[in-house]
Amino acid sequence: MALGLLKTNDKTEELEDIADQYMQVLWSMGFLVDFLDHGFYWTFKVHDLMHDLAISMTKGESAFINFGSQKVDRKLRHFSHGDTELCGEEFLQLIVDNSRSVRSIVFPAAEKYRDAPVIGSFISKDISKFKYLRLLDLCDIHVQVLSDSISTLRHLRYLDLAWNDALKKILESICEIQKLQMLRLRGCSEIKNLPNNIRKMICLRYLEITTQEEFLPENGIGCLSSLQRLHVVGCKSLLSLCEGMQGLKSLRKLFLTRNPVISSLPDTIKYLKKLETLAIGSCPKINLKMELLEEDRELRLSLKKFIIVNLESLVDMPQLLLQASTDTLKYMQIEDCEKLEALPESLQNLTSLEKLEITRCYELSSLPEGIEHLTSLKELKITECPALIESCRNDELKIAHVPVVHLIDHDTSFYG
């Protein structure tokens, strides 16, 4: 996306969907191997032969620098390297010499580079020379200050600052990169505040944040009307998301992970009409109770995947979100929710549900009445839930309509 390689003639089709289609085609053609769908993300590798072929075909525009004395004679567009012995100044001078043609730069992690101050100096002094740069990967570099110079990259689409735990502040000038589509601040645990003017980044489609703030300002992230995907990760002080979420009109995927004090979802989440995936994990204080009020009876949402993992305080499911997604919800995963004693009776209304996975929910003792009404259910997988597994084995008729059933305890498996 950052390099402008995704093409479509259909203006209503989202770039993220086109990218998914590309990946599926590459997989079907054998370009990608060990391809696994984890519910809300994929893992895969490029086939060795395909990798060699791709390297051969892109010699004219890409350089993977793997030794200090390597010379580059032509103007290249894409630079990366991974040699621990490569001198920082040599690599940086090499890409500076190609600055007008460079479109992407991928630096190695700090433990490989061994000289983060060199990169900090490069960003301050030289980055403004890269007038046409679209992708800059500074993941795990550990720079302490991100220079204002980065705001001069008017064509930058992708900026990765993830896991820079030495970075204490994101300067306001970053908000001047108007074409930026993807910004990763995940794992930047020392950042005290997000930029006040983040709302001006109107082209942002993908955002990952880690912050020390207790509350996200309503006139900040909540104003990003183009945002498709939001990750809120490792925010140790965050008490809640911003209430003004209705401004996220394009949001399709929301992930909340390792936020220890966040206790609930904002009521305005019900206005996210395009939300397709909601995944919440390792938020020990969160309870998702959201009652379906009379005024919300006609509410219709687009949720397709609902995933909750390791929620220690969870005792209730979000009735409002589930009931409003009865026509769309296809996948539900419930894992390591030790206090959850029962699934809601309204589960039987999820007539589009195709796959249900329940793992290590020890207090669950039975499936709700009406489970046989889930006529679209193709797969039911229950793992390490002793009471629930015993109940299903004693009443197989209840789940007899499901084509594939996995009841997995510690030692044995039952397949129906």
Protein backbone atom coordinates (compact mmCIF):
# COMPACT_ATOMS: atom_id res chain seq x y z
CA MET A 1 0.00 0.00 0.00
CA ALA A 2 2.75 2.42 0.95
CA LEU A 3 4.52 1.90 -2.36
CA GLY A 4 1.37 2.25 -4.46
CA LEU A 5 1.39 -1.35 -5.70
CA LEU A 6 -2.26 -2.18 -4.95
CA LYS A 7 -4.47 -1.64 -7.98
CA THR A 8 -8.23 -1.70 -8.47
CA ASN A 9 -10.79 -0.35 -10.90
CA ASP A 10 -13.49 -0.43 -8.23
CA LYS A 11 -13.39 2.82 -6.25
CA THR A 12 -15.62 1.34 -3.55
CA GLU A 13 -13.12 -1.45 -2.77
CA GLU A 14 -10.81 -0.82 0.20
CA LEU A 15 -7.05 -1.16 -0.27
CA GLU A 16 -6.86 -3.55 2.68
CA ASP A 17 -9.27 -5.94 0.93
CA ILE A 18 -7.23 -5.78 -2.26
CA ALA A 19 -4.11 -6.62 -0.24
CA ASP A 20 -5.92 -9.63 1.29
CA GLN A 21 -6.83 -10.82 -2.20
CA TYR A 22 -3.21 -10.48 -3.33
CA MET A 23 -2.04 -12.54 -0.36
CA GLN A 24 -4.59 -15.27 -1.01
CA VAL A 25 -3.49 -15.48 -4.66
CA LEU A 26 0.19 -15.66 -3.69
CA TRP A 27 -0.66 -18.47 -1.26
CA SER A 28 -2.69 -20.41 -3.83
CA MET A 29 0.19 -20.13 -6.32
CA GLY A 30 2.73 -21.55 -3.86
CA PHE A 31 4.63 -18.26 -3.43
CA LEU A 32 3.81 -18.38 0.30
CA VAL A 33 4.13 -21.49 2.48
CA ASP A 34 3.30 -22.45 6.08
CA PHE A 35 0.30 -20.13 5.75
CA LEU A 36 -1.81 -20.10 8.93
CA ASP A 37 -4.96 -18.11 9.69
CA HIS A 38 -5.02 -17.22 13.40
CA GLY A 39 -8.44 -15.60 13.28
CA PHE A 40 -7.33 -12.00 13.04
CA TYR A 41 -3.82 -12.26 11.61
CA TRP A 42 -1.81 -14.54 9.31
CA THR A 43 1.63 -16.05 9.58
CA PHE A 44 3.53 -17.36 6.57
CA LYS A 45 6.92 -17.63 4.89
CA VAL A 46 8.06 -17.01 1.33
CA HIS A 47 9.03 -20.23 -0.42
CA ASP A 48 12.84 -20.46 -0.77
CA LEU A 49 12.78 -20.77 -4.56
CA MET A 50 10.31 -17.90 -4.90
CA HIS A 51 12.47 -15.79 -2.59
CA ASP A 52 15.55 -16.36 -4.77
CA LEU A 53 13.52 -15.60 -7.89
CA ALA A 54 12.17 -12.37 -6.39
CA ILE A 55 15.68 -11.24 -5.36
CA SER A 56 16.93 -11.98 -8.88
CA MET A 57 14.11 -10.04 -10.54
CA THR A 58 14.47 -6.95 -8.32
CA LYS A 59 18.23 -6.48 -8.58
CA GLY A 60 17.66 -3.34 -10.58
CA GLU A 61 15.78 -1.54 -7.81
CA SER A 62 16.45 -3.23 -4.44
CA ALA A 63 19.57 -3.71 -2.33
CA PHE A 64 19.95 -5.96 0.69
CA ILE A 65 23.29 -4.82 2.10
CA ASN A 66 25.03 -7.69 3.87
CA PHE A 67 28.66 -6.66 4.07
CA GLY A 68 30.46 -3.42 4.75
CA SER A 69 32.39 -3.10 1.50
CA GLN A 70 29.41 -3.68 -0.81
CA LYS A 71 29.22 -1.19 -3.67
CA VAL A 72 26.08 -0.08 -5.43
CA ASP A 73 26.54 1.34 -8.92
CA ARG A 74 22.97 2.07 -9.92
CA LYS A 75 20.22 4.25 -8.48
CA LEU A 76 18.14 1.97 -6.27
CA ARG A 77 14.73 2.44 -4.68
CA HIS A 78 14.70 0.04 -1.71
CA PHE A 79 17.41 -0.44 0.92
CA SER A 80 17.68 -2.89 3.82
CA HIS A 81 20.44 -4.81 5.56
CA GLY A 82 21.00 -7.27 8.37
CA ASP A 83 24.75 -7.64 8.92
CA THR A 84 25.89 -7.07 12.51
CA GLU A 85 29.36 -6.05 11.30
CA LEU A 86 28.20 -3.43 8.84
CA CYS A 87 29.51 0.02 9.70
CA GLY A 88 26.60 2.41 10.29
CA GLU A 89 28.22 5.34 8.49
CA GLU A 90 28.95 3.23 5.39
CA PHE A 91 25.36 2.07 5.02
CA LEU A 92 23.94 5.52 5.66
CA GLN A 93 26.29 7.17 3.18
CA LEU A 94 25.31 4.56 0.60
CA ILE A 95 21.62 5.43 0.84
CA VAL A 96 22.33 9.18 1.03
CA ASP A 97 24.10 8.87 -2.31
CA ASN A 98 20.85 7.44 -3.71
CA SER A 99 18.57 9.80 -1.79
CA ARG A 100 16.54 11.11 -4.75
CA SER A 101 15.61 7.63 -5.96
CA VAL A 102 15.03 5.91 -2.59
CA ARG A 103 11.44 4.91 -1.82
CA SER A 104 11.92 2.64 1.22
CA ILE A 105 14.52 2.15 3.99
CA VAL A 106 14.41 -0.71 6.47
CA PHE A 107 16.93 -0.51 9.32
CA PRO A 108 17.87 -3.56 11.39
CA ALA A 109 16.97 -3.88 15.07
CA ALA A 110 19.12 -2.05 17.61
CA GLU A 111 20.92 -5.17 18.83
CA LYS A 112 22.13 -5.74 15.26
CA TYR A 113 22.98 -2.15 14.47
CA ARG A 114 24.74 -1.39 17.76
CA ASP A 115 24.79 2.32 17.08
CA ALA A 116 21.39 4.01 17.50
CA PRO A 117 22.93 7.53 17.89
CA VAL A 118 24.29 7.21 14.34
CA ILE A 119 20.74 6.71 13.05
CA GLY A 120 19.45 9.57 15.20
CA SER A 121 22.07 11.84 13.67
CA PHE A 122 21.18 10.60 10.18
CA ILE A 123 17.49 11.43 10.70
CA SER A 124 18.36 14.88 11.99
CA LYS A 125 20.87 15.80 9.27
CA ASP A 126 20.04 13.78 6.17
CA ILE A 127 16.49 12.47 6.17
CA SER A 128 15.13 15.64 4.55
CA LYS A 129 17.13 14.75 1.42
CA PHE A 130 14.83 11.80 0.73
CA LYS A 131 12.11 13.79 -0.97
CA TYR A 132 10.27 10.76 -2.39
CA LEU A 133 10.57 8.33 0.54
CA ARG A 134 7.37 6.35 1.12
CA LEU A 135 8.40 3.79 3.74
CA LEU A 136 10.71 4.26 6.74
CA ASP A 137 11.19 1.36 9.17
CA LEU A 138 12.87 2.38 12.44
CA CYS A 139 11.47 -0.51 14.49
CA ASP A 140 13.48 -1.35 17.62
CA ILE A 141 16.19 1.26 16.97
CA HIS A 142 16.05 2.90 20.43
CA VAL A 143 16.51 6.50 19.35
CA GLN A 144 15.77 8.93 22.17
CA VAL A 145 14.58 11.87 20.08
CA LEU A 146 12.85 11.86 16.71
CA SER A 147 13.98 14.94 14.82
CA ASP A 148 11.60 17.50 13.32
CA SER A 149 13.28 16.75 10.01
CA ILE A 150 11.04 13.75 9.52
CA SER A 151 8.10 16.09 8.97
CA THR A 152 9.66 17.15 5.64
CA LEU A 153 8.89 13.71 4.12
CA ARG A 154 5.74 14.81 2.31
CA HIS A 155 5.33 11.52 0.42
CA LEU A 156 5.84 9.22 3.43
CA ARG A 157 3.05 6.65 3.75
CA TYR A 158 4.48 4.17 6.29
CA LEU A 159 6.42 5.03 9.46
CA ASP A 160 7.41 2.29 11.89
CA LEU A 161 8.72 3.42 15.28
CA ALA A 162 7.59 0.31 17.19
CA TRP A 163 9.53 -0.98 20.21
CA ASN A 164 11.58 2.20 20.61
CA ASP A 165 11.50 2.07 24.41
CA ALA A 166 14.00 4.95 24.64
CA LEU A 167 11.70 7.32 22.75
CA LYS A 168 10.08 9.69 25.24
CA LYS A 169 8.16 12.08 23.03
CA ILE A 170 6.53 12.23 19.62
CA LEU A 171 6.90 15.78 18.33
CA GLU A 172 3.87 17.66 17.02
CA SER A 173 5.61 18.07 13.69
CA ILE A 174 4.88 14.45 12.83
CA CYS A 175 1.27 15.50 12.28
CA GLU A 176 2.43 17.55 9.28
CA ILE A 177 3.02 14.35 7.27
CA GLN A 178 -0.42 14.61 5.70
CA LYS A 179 -0.16 11.53 3.44
CA LEU A 180 0.90 9.12 6.20
CA GLN A 181 -1.28 5.99 6.12
CA MET A 182 0.38 3.69 8.67
CA LEU A 183 1.96 4.67 11.97
CA ARG A 184 3.34 2.13 14.45
CA LEU A 185 4.07 3.32 18.00
CA ARG A 186 3.58 -0.08 19.61
CA GLY A 187 5.95 -0.79 22.50
CA CYS A 188 7.07 2.85 22.82
CA SER A 189 6.46 2.58 26.55
CA GLU A 190 8.12 5.87 27.54
CA ILE A 191 5.84 8.08 25.44
CA LYS A 192 3.81 10.17 27.88
CA ASN A 193 1.36 11.71 25.41
CA LEU A 194 0.32 11.29 21.83
CA PRO A 195 0.61 14.44 19.68
CA ASN A 196 -2.20 16.92 20.34
CA ASN A 197 -2.78 17.40 16.62
CA ILE A 198 -2.97 13.73 15.68
CA ARG A 199 -6.50 14.46 14.44
CA LYS A 200 -4.90 16.30 11.50
CA MET A 201 -3.44 13.05 10.13
CA ILE A 202 -6.51 12.56 8.01
CA CYS A 203 -5.04 9.83 5.77
CA LEU A 204 -4.11 7.47 8.61
CA ARG A 205 -5.56 4.00 7.98
CA TYR A 206 -3.52 1.92 10.45
CA LEU A 207 -2.42 3.01 13.92
CA GLU A 208 -0.69 1.18 16.77
CA ILE A 209 -0.16 3.04 20.03
CA THR A 210 1.42 2.57 23.45
CA THR A 211 1.08 5.57 25.75
CA GLN A 212 1.27 6.52 29.44
CA GLU A 213 -1.93 8.57 29.24
CA GLU A 214 -4.93 7.72 31.44
CA PHE A 215 -7.47 8.90 28.87
CA LEU A 216 -7.34 9.34 25.11
CA PRO A 217 -8.54 12.86 24.24
CA GLU A 218 -11.87 12.95 22.41
CA ASN A 219 -10.57 15.38 19.82
CA GLY A 220 -7.58 13.17 19.03
CA ILE A 221 -7.74 9.61 17.69
CA GLY A 222 -11.53 9.77 17.65
CA CYS A 223 -11.35 12.25 14.76
CA LEU A 224 -9.43 9.96 12.40
CA SER A 225 -12.25 9.33 9.95
CA SER A 226 -10.07 7.29 7.53
CA LEU A 227 -8.71 4.93 10.21
CA GLN A 228 -9.37 1.29 9.37
CA ARG A 229 -7.35 -0.49 12.04
CA LEU A 230 -6.51 0.55 15.61
CA HIS A 231 -4.27 -1.31 18.08
CA VAL A 232 -4.10 -0.10 21.68
CA VAL A 233 -1.29 -2.12 23.24
CA GLY A 234 0.54 -2.13 26.57
CA CYS A 235 -0.96 1.12 27.90
CA LYS A 236 -0.30 0.62 31.63
CA SER A 237 -2.24 3.69 32.82
CA LEU A 238 -5.07 3.85 30.31
CA LEU A 239 -8.43 3.75 32.10
CA SER A 240 -10.64 3.92 29.03
CA LEU A 241 -10.78 4.64 25.33
CA CYS A 242 -12.06 7.99 24.15
CA GLU A 243 -15.84 8.39 24.40
CA GLY A 244 -16.02 10.13 21.04
CA MET A 245 -15.44 6.96 19.01
CA GLN A 246 -18.30 7.73 16.65
CA GLY A 247 -15.83 9.81 14.64
CA LEU A 248 -14.04 6.61 13.59
CA LYS A 249 -16.44 6.13 10.71
CA SER A 250 -14.15 3.81 8.73
CA LEU A 251 -12.82 1.65 11.61
CA ARG A 252 -13.01 -2.05 10.74
CA LYS A 253 -10.60 -3.66 13.23
CA LEU A 254 -10.08 -2.80 16.90
CA PHE A 255 -7.50 -4.58 19.08
CA LEU A 256 -7.01 -4.03 22.81
CA THR A 257 -4.05 -5.96 24.23
CA ARG A 258 -2.18 -5.92 27.55
CA ASN A 259 -3.91 -2.85 28.98
CA PRO A 260 -3.95 -3.67 32.71
CA VAL A 261 -6.34 -1.04 34.09
CA ILE A 262 -8.86 -0.45 31.31
CA SER A 263 -12.21 -1.57 32.72
CA SER A 264 -14.83 -1.22 29.99
CA LEU A 265 -15.61 -0.29 26.42
CA PRO A 266 -17.09 3.16 25.73
CA ASP A 267 -20.79 3.27 24.90
CA THR A 268 -20.00 5.03 21.64
CA ILE A 269 -18.52 1.82 20.23
CA LYS A 270 -22.06 1.00 19.12
CA TYR A 271 -21.76 3.74 16.49
CA LEU A 272 -18.90 1.96 14.70
CA LYS A 273 -21.10 0.63 11.92
CA LYS A 274 -18.15 -0.71 9.88
CA LEU A 275 -16.39 -2.55 12.73
CA GLU A 276 -15.73 -6.13 11.58
CA THR A 277 -13.15 -7.45 14.07
CA LEU A 278 -13.01 -6.85 17.81
CA ALA A 279 -10.17 -8.61 19.65
CA ILE A 280 -9.43 -8.09 23.34
CA GLY A 281 -6.63 -9.88 25.17
CA SER A 282 -4.82 -9.73 28.52
CA CYS A 283 -6.87 -6.86 29.93
CA PRO A 284 -7.34 -8.26 33.47
CA LYS A 285 -9.82 -5.64 34.75
CA ILE A 286 -12.08 -5.31 31.76
CA ASN A 287 -15.69 -6.41 31.90
CA LEU A 288 -17.63 -6.29 28.68
CA LYS A 289 -21.15 -6.06 30.05
CA MET A 290 -23.19 -3.99 27.60
CA GLU A 291 -26.90 -4.45 28.05
CA LEU A 292 -29.19 -4.27 25.05
CA LEU A 293 -31.48 -1.34 25.77
CA GLU A 294 -34.89 -0.87 24.19
CA GLU A 295 -33.58 2.05 22.15
CA ASP A 296 -30.95 -0.25 20.62
CA ARG A 297 -33.30 -3.02 19.48
CA GLU A 298 -33.05 -1.94 15.84
CA LEU A 299 -29.28 -1.37 15.97
CA ARG A 300 -27.39 -3.17 13.19
CA LEU A 301 -23.61 -3.59 13.20
CA SER A 302 -21.16 -5.41 10.92
CA LEU A 303 -19.09 -7.43 13.41
CA LYS A 304 -17.68 -10.61 11.81
CA LYS A 305 -15.02 -11.72 14.31
CA PHE A 306 -15.22 -11.48 18.09
CA ILE A 307 -12.14 -12.66 20.00
CA ILE A 308 -11.50 -12.49 23.76
CA VAL A 309 -8.43 -14.01 25.39
CA ASN A 310 -7.18 -14.01 28.99
CA LEU A 311 -9.77 -11.70 30.54
CA GLU A 312 -9.58 -12.44 34.27
CA SER A 313 -12.57 -10.33 35.33
CA LEU A 314 -14.94 -11.22 32.53
CA VAL A 315 -18.32 -12.45 33.75
CA ASP A 316 -20.62 -11.02 31.05
CA MET A 317 -20.58 -10.88 27.29
CA PRO A 318 -21.40 -7.63 25.41
CA GLN A 319 -25.05 -8.39 24.62
CA LEU A 320 -25.48 -5.17 22.67
CA LEU A 321 -22.64 -5.86 20.23
CA LEU A 322 -23.53 -9.51 19.71
CA GLN A 323 -27.26 -8.96 19.27
CA ALA A 324 -26.63 -6.13 16.81
CA SER A 325 -24.39 -8.46 14.76
CA THR A 326 -26.65 -11.51 14.47
CA ASP A 327 -26.65 -11.31 10.68
CA THR A 328 -22.89 -10.86 10.27
CA LEU A 329 -20.91 -12.58 13.07
CA LYS A 330 -19.08 -15.60 11.66
CA TYR A 331 -16.29 -16.37 14.12
CA MET A 332 -16.13 -16.29 17.93
CA GLN A 333 -13.16 -17.24 20.09
CA ILE A 334 -13.31 -17.33 23.90
CA GLU A 335 -10.08 -18.34 25.64
CA ASP A 336 -8.77 -18.28 29.23
CA CYS A 337 -11.77 -16.46 30.72
CA GLU A 338 -11.73 -18.20 34.09
CA LYS A 339 -14.69 -16.40 35.70
CA LEU A 340 -17.10 -16.78 32.80
CA GLU A 341 -19.81 -19.13 34.05
CA ALA A 342 -22.34 -19.03 31.22
CA LEU A 343 -22.75 -17.99 27.62
CA PRO A 344 -25.74 -15.74 26.93
CA GLU A 345 -29.00 -17.34 25.79
CA SER A 346 -28.95 -14.84 22.92
CA LEU A 347 -26.12 -16.88 21.42
CA GLN A 348 -28.80 -18.88 19.62
CA ASN A 349 -29.64 -15.76 17.59
CA LEU A 350 -26.23 -15.69 15.88
CA THR A 351 -27.57 -17.37 12.78
CA SER A 352 -24.48 -16.49 10.68
CA LEU A 353 -21.95 -17.98 13.14
CA GLU A 354 -19.72 -20.50 11.34
CA LYS A 355 -16.99 -21.26 13.89
CA LEU A 356 -17.00 -21.21 17.71
CA GLU A 357 -13.87 -21.91 19.77
CA ILE A 358 -13.86 -22.14 23.57
CA THR A 359 -10.58 -22.81 25.42
CA ARG A 360 -9.76 -23.17 29.13
CA CYS A 361 -12.95 -21.61 30.47
CA TYR A 362 -13.19 -23.89 33.49
CA GLU A 363 -16.40 -22.47 34.95
CA LEU A 364 -18.44 -23.07 31.80
CA SER A 365 -20.55 -26.17 32.33
CA SER A 366 -22.93 -26.20 29.38
CA LEU A 367 -23.81 -24.61 26.09
CA PRO A 368 -26.90 -22.37 26.16
CA GLU A 369 -30.30 -23.62 25.12
CA GLY A 370 -31.09 -23.18 21.47
CA ILE A 371 -27.58 -23.94 20.22
CA GLU A 372 -29.22 -26.20 17.63
CA HIS A 373 -30.63 -23.05 16.00
CA LEU A 374 -27.16 -22.11 14.79
CA THR A 375 -27.72 -23.65 11.38
CA SER A 376 -24.65 -22.00 9.84
CA LEU A 377 -22.26 -23.43 12.45
CA LYS A 378 -19.65 -25.54 10.64
CA GLU A 379 -17.10 -26.07 13.40
CA LEU A 380 -17.24 -26.23 17.19
CA LYS A 381 -13.96 -26.58 19.08
CA ILE A 382 -13.86 -26.92 22.87
CA THR A 383 -10.45 -27.36 24.51
CA GLU A 384 -9.61 -28.03 28.18
CA CYS A 385 -13.06 -27.16 29.52
CA PRO A 386 -13.77 -30.34 31.55
CA ALA A 387 -17.34 -29.62 32.64
CA LEU A 388 -18.37 -28.28 29.25
CA ILE A 389 -16.83 -31.23 27.40
CA GLU A 390 -18.59 -33.69 29.69
CA SER A 391 -21.89 -31.92 29.12
CA CYS A 392 -21.45 -32.10 25.33
CA ARG A 393 -20.57 -35.78 25.45
CA ASN A 394 -23.65 -36.51 27.55
CA ASP A 395 -25.89 -34.59 25.18
CA GLU A 396 -24.47 -35.15 21.71
CA LEU A 397 -27.86 -34.44 20.14
CA LYS A 398 -27.45 -30.81 21.12
CA ILE A 399 -24.54 -30.40 18.73
CA ALA A 400 -25.38 -33.18 16.25
CA HIS A 401 -26.07 -30.64 13.49
CA VAL A 402 -22.48 -29.31 13.53
CA PRO A 403 -20.38 -30.95 10.76
CA VAL A 404 -17.08 -30.75 12.67
CA VAL A 405 -16.81 -30.99 16.46
CA HIS A 406 -13.53 -31.07 18.39
CA LEU A 407 -13.80 -31.88 22.11
CA ILE A 408 -10.25 -31.81 23.37
CA ASP A 409 -9.19 -32.48 26.94
CA HIS A 410 -5.65 -33.00 28.25
CA ASP A 411 -5.10 -36.47 26.85
CA THR A 412 -7.74 -37.41 24.32
CA SER A 413 -9.79 -35.93 21.52
CA PHE A 414 -13.30 -36.66 20.29
CA TYR A 415 -14.16 -35.85 16.69
CA GLY A 416 -17.75 -35.85 15.47
